[in-house]
Amino acid sequence: MADALGRAETAREVIEVDTAEKRKQVLEALRAIIDPDLGQDIVTLGFVKDLDIDQGQVSFTVALTTPACPLKASFKKLSEEAVEGLPWVTGVSVEMSAQARPKAPRPEGTGLAGVDRVVAVASCKGGVGKSTVAVNLAFELSETGARVGLLDADIYGPSLPTLVKTDDTVLRAVDGKIQPVVHRGVKLISFGYAADQAKAAIMRGPMVSGIISQLANDVDWGPLDYLVVDMPPGTGDIQLTLTQKIAFTGAVIVTTPQKLSYVDVVKGMQMFDTVKVPTLAVVENMSYFVCDSCKERHRPFGKGALERLVAEYGIENAFDLPMQAAVTESCDRGVPLVLAHPTGDLKHRYAQIAGAVVREIERLENNALFKPEVRYEKGRGIVVSTADGGERLVDPADLRRRCRCASCKDEHTGEQILRPEDVADDVYPEEIAPMGNYAVAIRWSDGHRSSIYPYDRL
């Protein structure tokens, strides 16, 4: 009997050792999967949860940082392939989920207390299609599995009731909290649901600011992964009030190709920089159309504004959207385009925009977005920190001569206006300030104030 018990105990130890070795092999295989935005493998990042091994059957969960992660399907496929490659594995079950992350502190007792991230969709002039972008971004995020709300913060011209037609648009209050309208899983709030759409809203600024604050904070949003806020156009008191009342995670700026729109985008970025709200992406709407006859792209509003934003500000997430009849048709029907045309080109583009927004937020939350320190030291020059912990010196006069602003370089021909000999060798930065996520703005000792340099050019 003692021998039999001894043999059983030894067999159990062998099984335990064998299982421990299998677990080690599974985790080692999964280390080959790298999150491209965070730069680390999914095991080190703590994404792999609930690993269970039953002989040759392996099951585990990959808990990403957000349910809207654009790499969800890719991670699942790569995880299955990595583990299936082990010789003893007979089956793999991978469940995808999202792990809770620390969220920006929001006042308890307000409707925003359960909201993880708030994304502003803004423009500094009207008529650029900002509301259309906001609606489709919100519903695209929802399509990926995220819990999403959409706040139409334009009191003077609420567009949500037109862009999204629902059967029930009556706002109700429960326990003192306004209940949002829900359509296809997205929670919706607009002043248009509470006012007569046929009458213009005639109110002074303080009253409008109070209504916006009420719509944001007195609504029972519940737990949300993303709240998309369709901002009123401009950079005035109402916009600043919103940024003060709501802790925005970041902003998506919508523009069109005209020069005037470019100037307004810069104003918008500067406004958000002032209140410490990072620009997540820029969307150039109505960028072009494809002719039915010649199949060529035509740009009735010109070309180059988006390219300038990328070149001068180092913006990585820049997208252009074409003019299509489907956009007007879906807006008139009150059906978001991403739902009305689930396999179209614009649906794919909105998926790219949503993915970029999610990734940029993730990089910011994980401090994975490298922003070099840029400072001026007398006698050394401009000092730029590098990703490997080192430093790089830049000659101030050389950098000043390479300014690409509209005063120094012709925006249409690309010809250099600034003559190198007009820049003194002893010019130096009087102020260096971050501009967006990817650039710095420099005020020079010679009085020049419009120099902006992307980090990758430094």
Protein backbone atom coordinates (compact mmCIF):
# COMPACT_ATOMS: atom_id res chain seq x y z
CA MET A 1 0.00 0.00 0.00
CA ALA A 2 2.80 2.39 0.92
CA ASP A 3 4.54 1.66 -2.41
CA ALA A 4 1.31 2.36 -4.31
CA LEU A 5 0.81 5.68 -2.48
CA GLY A 6 4.43 6.59 -3.18
CA ARG A 7 4.03 5.85 -6.89
CA ALA A 8 0.83 7.93 -7.01
CA GLU A 9 2.55 10.84 -5.29
CA THR A 10 5.46 10.64 -7.73
CA ALA A 11 3.07 10.57 -10.70
CA ARG A 12 1.29 13.65 -9.37
CA GLU A 13 4.60 15.48 -9.04
CA VAL A 14 5.50 14.57 -12.63
CA ILE A 15 2.14 15.90 -13.86
CA GLU A 16 2.59 19.12 -11.87
CA VAL A 17 6.09 19.62 -13.21
CA ASP A 18 4.86 18.83 -16.71
CA THR A 19 2.02 21.36 -16.42
CA ALA A 20 4.38 24.01 -15.08
CA GLU A 21 6.71 23.42 -18.03
CA LYS A 22 3.79 23.62 -20.47
CA ARG A 23 2.67 26.89 -18.88
CA LYS A 24 6.17 28.27 -19.29
CA GLN A 25 6.24 27.24 -22.95
CA VAL A 26 2.84 28.86 -23.64
CA LEU A 27 3.90 32.15 -22.09
CA GLU A 28 7.21 32.04 -23.95
CA ALA A 29 5.36 31.51 -27.24
CA LEU A 30 3.07 34.44 -26.51
CA ARG A 31 6.04 36.73 -25.82
CA ALA A 32 6.59 36.81 -29.57
CA ILE A 33 3.43 38.96 -29.93
CA ILE A 34 4.37 42.63 -29.63
CA ASP A 35 1.94 45.50 -29.15
CA PRO A 36 3.18 47.90 -31.85
CA ASP A 37 2.01 50.99 -29.99
CA LEU A 38 3.37 50.09 -26.56
CA GLY A 39 6.52 48.38 -27.84
CA GLN A 40 6.31 45.39 -25.48
CA ASP A 41 5.01 41.83 -25.69
CA ILE A 42 1.54 40.93 -24.43
CA VAL A 43 2.90 38.81 -21.57
CA THR A 44 5.10 41.58 -20.17
CA LEU A 45 2.19 44.03 -20.55
CA GLY A 46 0.02 41.71 -18.44
CA PHE A 47 -2.53 41.09 -21.17
CA VAL A 48 -2.54 37.27 -20.74
CA LYS A 49 -5.01 36.19 -18.04
CA ASP A 50 -6.63 32.99 -16.71
CA LEU A 51 -4.23 30.57 -18.43
CA ASP A 52 -5.52 27.01 -18.05
CA ILE A 53 -3.95 23.81 -19.39
CA ASP A 54 -5.80 20.49 -19.48
CA GLN A 55 -3.42 18.02 -21.10
CA GLY A 56 -3.25 19.27 -24.69
CA GLN A 57 -6.08 21.80 -24.37
CA VAL A 58 -4.99 25.39 -23.67
CA SER A 59 -7.32 28.28 -22.83
CA PHE A 60 -6.57 31.84 -21.78
CA THR A 61 -7.84 35.40 -22.03
CA VAL A 62 -6.10 38.31 -23.73
CA ALA A 63 -7.28 41.38 -21.80
CA LEU A 64 -6.50 44.46 -23.88
CA THR A 65 -6.55 48.03 -22.61
CA THR A 66 -9.79 48.88 -24.41
CA PRO A 67 -12.61 46.90 -26.03
CA ALA A 68 -12.20 49.15 -29.09
CA CYS A 69 -8.61 48.08 -29.72
CA PRO A 70 -8.18 47.93 -33.53
CA LEU A 71 -5.71 45.05 -33.16
CA LYS A 72 -8.16 42.80 -31.33
CA ALA A 73 -8.70 40.36 -34.21
CA SER A 74 -4.99 40.35 -35.04
CA PHE A 75 -3.98 39.59 -31.44
CA LYS A 76 -6.49 36.73 -31.26
CA LYS A 77 -5.21 35.16 -34.49
CA LEU A 78 -1.54 35.58 -33.54
CA SER A 79 -2.18 34.13 -30.06
CA GLU A 80 -3.89 31.06 -31.50
CA GLU A 81 -1.13 30.49 -34.05
CA ALA A 82 1.65 30.97 -31.48
CA VAL A 83 0.25 28.38 -29.05
CA GLU A 84 -0.89 25.93 -31.75
CA GLY A 85 2.73 25.76 -32.84
CA LEU A 86 3.72 23.91 -29.65
CA PRO A 87 4.04 20.16 -30.40
CA TRP A 88 1.93 18.93 -27.47
CA VAL A 89 -1.03 21.33 -28.02
CA THR A 90 -4.19 19.73 -29.41
CA GLY A 91 -6.54 22.71 -29.08
CA VAL A 92 -6.52 26.44 -28.23
CA SER A 93 -9.31 28.66 -26.93
CA VAL A 94 -8.60 32.41 -26.76
CA GLU A 95 -11.08 34.84 -25.28
CA MET A 96 -10.65 38.58 -25.93
CA SER A 97 -11.60 41.11 -23.27
CA ALA A 98 -10.63 44.53 -21.95
CA GLN A 99 -9.08 45.22 -18.59
CA ALA A 100 -10.13 48.15 -16.45
CA ARG A 101 -7.69 51.03 -16.61
CA PRO A 102 -7.23 54.08 -14.39
CA LYS A 103 -9.42 56.87 -15.70
CA ALA A 104 -9.18 60.63 -15.39
CA PRO A 105 -10.60 61.79 -12.05
CA ARG A 106 -14.13 63.06 -12.55
CA PRO A 107 -16.35 64.50 -9.82
CA GLU A 108 -18.41 61.88 -8.04
CA GLY A 109 -22.15 62.45 -8.22
CA THR A 110 -21.97 63.79 -11.77
CA GLY A 111 -23.00 61.92 -14.88
CA LEU A 112 -19.37 61.80 -16.02
CA ALA A 113 -18.16 59.83 -13.00
CA GLY A 114 -18.40 56.53 -14.92
CA VAL A 115 -16.87 57.80 -18.16
CA ASP A 116 -13.36 56.57 -18.89
CA ARG A 117 -12.33 58.77 -21.82
CA VAL A 118 -13.84 61.89 -23.39
CA VAL A 119 -12.99 62.74 -27.01
CA ALA A 120 -13.79 66.18 -28.42
CA VAL A 121 -14.54 66.43 -32.13
CA ALA A 122 -13.89 70.06 -33.02
CA SER A 123 -13.53 72.54 -35.83
CA CYS A 124 -12.85 76.24 -35.76
CA LYS A 125 -15.25 77.08 -38.54
CA GLY A 126 -18.67 75.75 -39.47
CA GLY A 127 -19.61 73.77 -42.53
CA VAL A 128 -16.69 71.34 -42.53
CA GLY A 129 -18.73 68.23 -41.65
CA LYS A 130 -17.64 68.05 -38.01
CA SER A 131 -20.94 66.64 -36.76
CA THR A 132 -20.98 63.96 -39.46
CA VAL A 133 -17.48 62.90 -38.41
CA ALA A 134 -18.46 62.90 -34.71
CA VAL A 135 -21.53 60.72 -35.31
CA ASN A 136 -19.71 58.17 -37.44
CA LEU A 137 -16.72 58.05 -35.09
CA ALA A 138 -19.04 57.32 -32.14
CA PHE A 139 -20.94 54.55 -33.92
CA GLU A 140 -17.71 53.05 -35.32
CA LEU A 141 -16.26 52.87 -31.80
CA SER A 142 -19.47 51.19 -30.68
CA GLU A 143 -19.20 48.68 -33.53
CA THR A 144 -15.87 47.51 -32.09
CA GLY A 145 -17.53 46.58 -28.79
CA ALA A 146 -16.90 49.72 -26.76
CA ARG A 147 -19.53 51.40 -24.58
CA VAL A 148 -20.06 54.79 -26.23
CA GLY A 149 -21.98 58.00 -25.63
CA LEU A 150 -22.39 60.98 -27.95
CA LEU A 151 -23.01 64.51 -26.68
CA ASP A 152 -24.14 67.13 -29.19
CA ALA A 153 -22.78 70.28 -27.52
CA ASP A 154 -23.87 72.72 -30.23
CA ILE A 155 -26.76 74.57 -28.62
CA TYR A 156 -27.32 77.07 -31.43
CA GLY A 157 -27.42 74.45 -34.16
CA PRO A 158 -27.94 70.93 -32.76
CA SER A 159 -27.63 68.40 -35.56
CA LEU A 160 -27.85 65.04 -33.78
CA PRO A 161 -31.66 64.68 -34.13
CA THR A 162 -31.24 65.04 -37.91
CA LEU A 163 -28.15 62.86 -38.33
CA VAL A 164 -29.47 60.03 -36.14
CA LYS A 165 -33.21 59.46 -36.35
CA THR A 166 -34.60 57.40 -33.49
CA ASP A 167 -38.10 56.29 -32.55
CA ASP A 168 -37.90 57.77 -29.06
CA THR A 169 -36.41 61.27 -28.64
CA VAL A 170 -38.09 62.19 -25.37
CA LEU A 171 -35.68 63.09 -22.57
CA ARG A 172 -36.74 61.77 -19.18
CA ALA A 173 -35.39 62.27 -15.68
CA VAL A 174 -34.92 59.48 -13.14
CA ASP A 175 -33.76 60.39 -9.63
CA GLY A 176 -32.79 63.84 -10.85
CA LYS A 177 -30.67 62.57 -13.74
CA ILE A 178 -31.48 63.02 -17.43
CA GLN A 179 -31.72 59.68 -19.22
CA PRO A 180 -30.01 59.66 -22.63
CA VAL A 181 -31.71 58.44 -25.77
CA VAL A 182 -30.24 55.09 -26.82
CA HIS A 183 -29.85 54.07 -30.48
CA ARG A 184 -28.03 50.93 -31.62
CA GLY A 185 -26.29 50.80 -28.24
CA VAL A 186 -24.98 54.39 -28.35
CA LYS A 187 -26.25 56.82 -25.71
CA LEU A 188 -27.27 60.16 -27.25
CA ILE A 189 -27.85 63.61 -25.78
CA SER A 190 -28.66 66.80 -27.68
CA PHE A 191 -30.33 70.10 -26.89
CA GLY A 192 -32.35 69.35 -29.99
CA TYR A 193 -34.23 66.65 -28.06
CA ALA A 194 -35.39 69.24 -25.54
CA ALA A 195 -36.11 72.19 -27.84
CA ASP A 196 -38.28 72.97 -30.84
CA GLN A 197 -36.05 72.25 -33.85
CA ALA A 198 -37.99 74.72 -35.99
CA LYS A 199 -37.05 77.66 -33.76
CA ALA A 200 -33.61 79.20 -33.46
CA ALA A 201 -31.94 79.12 -30.05
CA ILE A 202 -31.54 82.76 -28.99
CA MET A 203 -29.44 82.84 -25.85
CA ARG A 204 -26.46 84.68 -24.45
CA GLY A 205 -23.16 82.94 -23.75
CA PRO A 206 -23.55 82.36 -19.98
CA MET A 207 -26.93 80.67 -20.49
CA VAL A 208 -25.49 78.45 -23.24
CA SER A 209 -22.55 77.49 -21.03
CA GLY A 210 -24.98 76.54 -18.26
CA ILE A 211 -27.02 74.33 -20.59
CA ILE A 212 -23.91 72.59 -21.91
CA SER A 213 -22.71 71.96 -18.36
CA GLN A 214 -26.12 70.49 -17.50
CA LEU A 215 -26.14 68.23 -20.56
CA ALA A 216 -22.70 66.91 -19.68
CA ASN A 217 -22.90 66.54 -15.91
CA ASP A 218 -26.61 66.01 -15.18
CA VAL A 219 -27.02 63.11 -17.60
CA ASP A 220 -26.97 59.53 -16.38
CA TRP A 221 -24.30 58.37 -18.83
CA GLY A 222 -23.51 55.29 -16.75
CA PRO A 223 -20.27 53.41 -17.41
CA LEU A 224 -18.77 54.41 -20.78
CA ASP A 225 -15.49 53.59 -22.45
CA TYR A 226 -15.75 56.69 -24.67
CA LEU A 227 -17.87 59.81 -24.65
CA VAL A 228 -17.63 61.63 -27.99
CA VAL A 229 -18.45 65.34 -27.74
CA ASP A 230 -19.51 67.14 -30.91
CA MET A 231 -18.14 70.59 -30.08
CA PRO A 232 -19.69 73.83 -31.32
CA PRO A 233 -17.45 75.47 -33.95
CA GLY A 234 -15.00 78.16 -32.87
CA THR A 235 -12.50 78.90 -30.11
CA GLY A 236 -14.46 81.23 -27.85
CA ASP A 237 -15.93 81.25 -24.35
CA ILE A 238 -18.28 78.31 -24.94
CA GLN A 239 -15.44 76.07 -26.13
CA LEU A 240 -13.23 77.09 -23.23
CA THR A 241 -16.09 76.48 -20.79
CA LEU A 242 -16.48 72.98 -22.15
CA THR A 243 -12.78 72.21 -21.72
CA GLN A 244 -12.99 73.46 -18.13
CA LYS A 245 -16.17 71.53 -17.27
CA ILE A 246 -15.11 68.28 -18.94
CA ALA A 247 -11.72 66.60 -18.53
CA PHE A 248 -11.11 65.83 -22.21
CA THR A 249 -8.78 62.95 -23.00
CA GLY A 250 -7.99 64.36 -26.43
CA ALA A 251 -9.40 66.03 -29.52
CA VAL A 252 -10.07 65.14 -33.14
CA ILE A 253 -9.95 68.23 -35.34
CA VAL A 254 -11.98 68.34 -38.55
CA THR A 255 -11.08 70.61 -41.46
CA THR A 256 -11.39 71.01 -45.23
CA PRO A 257 -8.62 71.63 -47.79
CA GLN A 258 -8.98 75.43 -48.08
CA LYS A 259 -6.30 77.73 -46.70
CA LEU A 260 -8.83 79.35 -44.35
CA SER A 261 -9.61 75.97 -42.81
CA TYR A 262 -5.89 75.30 -42.33
CA VAL A 263 -5.50 78.57 -40.42
CA ASP A 264 -8.49 77.65 -38.24
CA VAL A 265 -7.08 74.18 -37.52
CA VAL A 266 -3.93 75.78 -36.18
CA LYS A 267 -6.07 78.00 -33.94
CA GLY A 268 -7.91 74.94 -32.69
CA MET A 269 -4.72 73.06 -31.91
CA GLN A 270 -3.38 76.09 -30.08
CA MET A 271 -6.59 76.35 -28.03
CA PHE A 272 -6.45 72.70 -27.02
CA ASP A 273 -2.73 72.99 -26.25
CA THR A 274 -3.50 75.92 -23.95
CA VAL A 275 -5.88 73.78 -21.89
CA LYS A 276 -3.56 70.71 -22.06
CA VAL A 277 -5.78 68.63 -24.36
CA PRO A 278 -3.70 66.65 -26.87
CA THR A 279 -4.71 66.50 -30.54
CA LEU A 280 -5.33 62.83 -31.35
CA ALA A 281 -6.01 63.13 -35.09
CA VAL A 282 -6.83 65.57 -37.88
CA VAL A 283 -9.51 64.72 -40.46
CA GLU A 284 -9.64 66.61 -43.77
CA ASN A 285 -13.24 66.25 -44.89
CA MET A 286 -14.51 66.75 -48.46
CA SER A 287 -10.94 66.35 -49.61
CA TYR A 288 -11.69 65.09 -53.13
CA PHE A 289 -14.17 63.23 -55.30
CA VAL A 290 -13.67 60.44 -57.83
CA CYS A 291 -15.17 61.21 -61.24
CA ASP A 292 -17.56 58.52 -62.51
CA SER A 293 -16.30 58.97 -66.07
CA CYS A 294 -12.53 59.28 -65.80
CA LYS A 295 -12.12 57.58 -62.39
CA GLU A 296 -9.61 60.29 -61.45
CA ARG A 297 -9.46 62.12 -58.14
CA HIS A 298 -10.47 65.77 -58.37
CA ARG A 299 -9.89 68.32 -55.60
CA PRO A 300 -12.31 71.24 -56.02
CA PHE A 301 -11.13 72.92 -52.81
CA GLY A 302 -7.41 72.59 -53.59
CA LYS A 303 -4.69 70.45 -52.11
CA GLY A 304 -1.98 70.76 -49.55
CA ALA A 305 -3.58 71.75 -46.23
CA LEU A 306 -3.36 68.24 -44.79
CA GLU A 307 0.16 67.80 -46.14
CA ARG A 308 1.20 71.05 -44.45
CA LEU A 309 -0.22 69.92 -41.12
CA VAL A 310 1.77 66.69 -41.35
CA ALA A 311 4.97 68.43 -42.45
CA GLU A 312 4.84 71.42 -40.11
CA TYR A 313 3.32 69.83 -37.01
CA GLY A 314 4.49 66.25 -37.35
CA ILE A 315 0.93 64.97 -37.00
CA GLU A 316 0.95 61.20 -37.44
CA ASN A 317 -2.79 60.58 -37.51
CA ALA A 318 -3.98 62.54 -40.54
CA PHE A 319 -6.87 61.32 -42.70
CA ASP A 320 -8.68 62.59 -45.77
CA LEU A 321 -12.31 61.76 -46.51
CA PRO A 322 -13.80 61.97 -50.02
CA MET A 323 -17.04 63.59 -51.09
CA GLN A 324 -19.60 60.88 -51.83
CA ALA A 325 -23.32 60.96 -52.47
CA ALA A 326 -23.65 58.23 -49.84
CA VAL A 327 -22.71 60.74 -47.14
CA THR A 328 -25.56 63.11 -48.01
CA GLU A 329 -27.96 60.21 -48.44
CA SER A 330 -27.19 58.69 -45.04
CA CYS A 331 -27.31 62.09 -43.30
CA ASP A 332 -30.71 62.87 -44.84
CA ARG A 333 -32.04 59.45 -43.80
CA GLY A 334 -30.71 59.90 -40.28
CA VAL A 335 -28.65 56.72 -40.44
CA PRO A 336 -24.90 56.91 -39.63
CA LEU A 337 -22.91 56.06 -42.74
CA VAL A 338 -20.91 53.34 -40.98
CA LEU A 339 -24.21 51.54 -40.36
CA ALA A 340 -25.85 52.31 -43.70
CA HIS A 341 -22.83 51.14 -45.73
CA PRO A 342 -21.01 48.58 -43.56
CA THR A 343 -18.73 47.39 -46.36
CA GLY A 344 -18.00 50.67 -48.16
CA ASP A 345 -14.76 52.61 -48.49
CA LEU A 346 -15.86 55.31 -46.05
CA LYS A 347 -16.71 52.67 -43.44
CA HIS A 348 -13.12 51.42 -43.77
CA ARG A 349 -11.78 54.96 -43.40
CA TYR A 350 -13.80 55.59 -40.26
CA ALA A 351 -12.47 52.31 -38.88
CA GLN A 352 -8.97 53.67 -39.49
CA ILE A 353 -9.81 56.95 -37.74
CA ALA A 354 -11.35 55.16 -34.75
CA GLY A 355 -8.37 52.82 -34.55
CA ALA A 356 -5.94 55.74 -34.61
CA VAL A 357 -7.84 57.55 -31.85
CA VAL A 358 -7.86 54.43 -29.67
CA ARG A 359 -4.14 53.77 -30.23
CA GLU A 360 -3.16 57.38 -29.58
CA ILE A 361 -5.09 57.43 -26.30
CA GLU A 362 -3.49 54.13 -25.33
CA ARG A 363 -0.02 55.49 -26.06
CA LEU A 364 -0.72 58.59 -23.98
CA GLU A 365 -2.15 56.59 -21.07
CA ASN A 366 0.84 54.24 -21.08
CA ASN A 367 3.41 57.02 -21.55
CA ALA A 368 4.48 55.19 -24.71
CA LEU A 369 4.49 58.37 -26.80
CA PHE A 370 8.04 59.67 -26.66
CA LYS A 371 8.20 63.43 -26.37
CA PRO A 372 11.79 64.65 -26.25
CA GLU A 373 12.73 67.46 -23.92
CA VAL A 374 13.78 70.49 -25.96
CA ARG A 375 15.59 73.34 -24.19
CA TYR A 376 18.08 76.10 -24.90
CA GLU A 377 21.40 76.30 -23.06
CA LYS A 378 23.54 79.36 -23.59
CA GLY A 379 26.91 78.38 -24.97
CA ARG A 380 25.68 74.94 -26.12
CA GLY A 381 22.67 75.62 -28.27
CA ILE A 382 19.33 73.80 -28.45
CA VAL A 383 19.49 70.52 -26.54
CA VAL A 384 17.16 67.71 -27.65
CA SER A 385 16.86 64.54 -25.55
CA THR A 386 16.84 61.27 -27.49
CA ALA A 387 14.87 58.06 -26.91
CA ASP A 388 18.01 56.21 -25.77
CA GLY A 389 18.64 58.71 -22.99
CA GLY A 390 21.24 60.74 -24.85
CA GLU A 391 21.25 64.30 -26.13
CA ARG A 392 21.54 65.97 -29.50
CA LEU A 393 22.69 69.55 -30.05
CA VAL A 394 21.05 71.75 -32.67
CA ASP A 395 22.52 75.07 -33.80
CA PRO A 396 19.89 77.80 -33.17
CA ALA A 397 20.79 79.87 -36.24
CA ASP A 398 20.63 76.80 -38.49
CA LEU A 399 17.21 75.84 -37.12
CA ARG A 400 15.91 79.40 -37.48
CA ARG A 401 17.01 79.46 -41.13
CA ARG A 402 15.10 76.23 -41.76
CA CYS A 403 11.77 77.63 -40.54
CA ARG A 404 8.90 76.52 -42.79
CA CYS A 405 6.17 78.90 -41.68
CA ALA A 406 4.23 80.94 -44.25
CA SER A 407 6.45 83.98 -43.60
CA CYS A 408 9.63 82.04 -44.33
CA LYS A 409 8.55 79.67 -47.10
CA ASP A 410 6.02 80.12 -49.90
CA GLU A 411 3.20 77.69 -49.10
CA HIS A 412 2.20 77.30 -52.76
CA THR A 413 5.57 76.99 -54.54
CA GLY A 414 7.68 75.71 -51.64
CA GLU A 415 10.26 78.41 -52.45
CA GLN A 416 12.30 79.68 -49.50
CA ILE A 417 11.41 83.32 -48.74
CA LEU A 418 13.73 83.75 -45.79
CA ARG A 419 17.29 84.47 -46.90
CA PRO A 420 19.91 82.71 -44.73
CA GLU A 421 22.03 85.85 -44.59
CA ASP A 422 19.13 87.71 -42.95
CA VAL A 423 19.37 85.50 -39.86
CA ALA A 424 22.02 86.54 -37.36
CA ASP A 425 24.44 83.86 -36.17
CA ASP A 426 23.70 84.74 -32.54
CA VAL A 427 19.91 84.29 -32.77
CA TYR A 428 18.49 82.15 -29.95
CA PRO A 429 15.13 80.87 -28.64
CA GLU A 430 13.46 83.09 -26.07
CA GLU A 431 10.73 80.50 -25.49
CA ILE A 432 10.24 76.83 -26.44
CA ALA A 433 6.79 75.34 -25.85
CA PRO A 434 5.18 71.99 -26.82
CA MET A 435 2.75 72.21 -29.73
CA GLY A 436 0.44 69.22 -29.93
CA ASN A 437 1.90 65.75 -29.45
CA TYR A 438 4.64 65.94 -32.04
CA ALA A 439 6.13 69.42 -32.27
CA VAL A 440 7.47 72.48 -30.44
CA ALA A 441 6.81 76.15 -31.07
CA ILE A 442 9.76 78.54 -30.76
CA ARG A 443 9.74 82.30 -30.20
CA TRP A 444 13.03 83.67 -31.46
CA SER A 445 15.16 86.57 -30.22
CA ASP A 446 14.81 88.30 -33.62
CA GLY A 447 11.07 88.69 -33.01
CA HIS A 448 9.91 85.77 -35.16
CA ARG A 449 7.02 83.97 -33.43
CA SER A 450 5.54 81.46 -35.88
CA SER A 451 8.24 78.76 -36.01
CA ILE A 452 6.98 75.23 -35.36
CA TYR A 453 9.26 72.20 -35.58
CA PRO A 454 8.14 68.54 -35.44
CA TYR A 455 10.21 66.41 -33.11
CA ASP A 456 11.36 64.18 -35.95
CA ARG A 457 12.92 67.23 -37.66
CA LEU A 458 14.86 68.11 -34.54
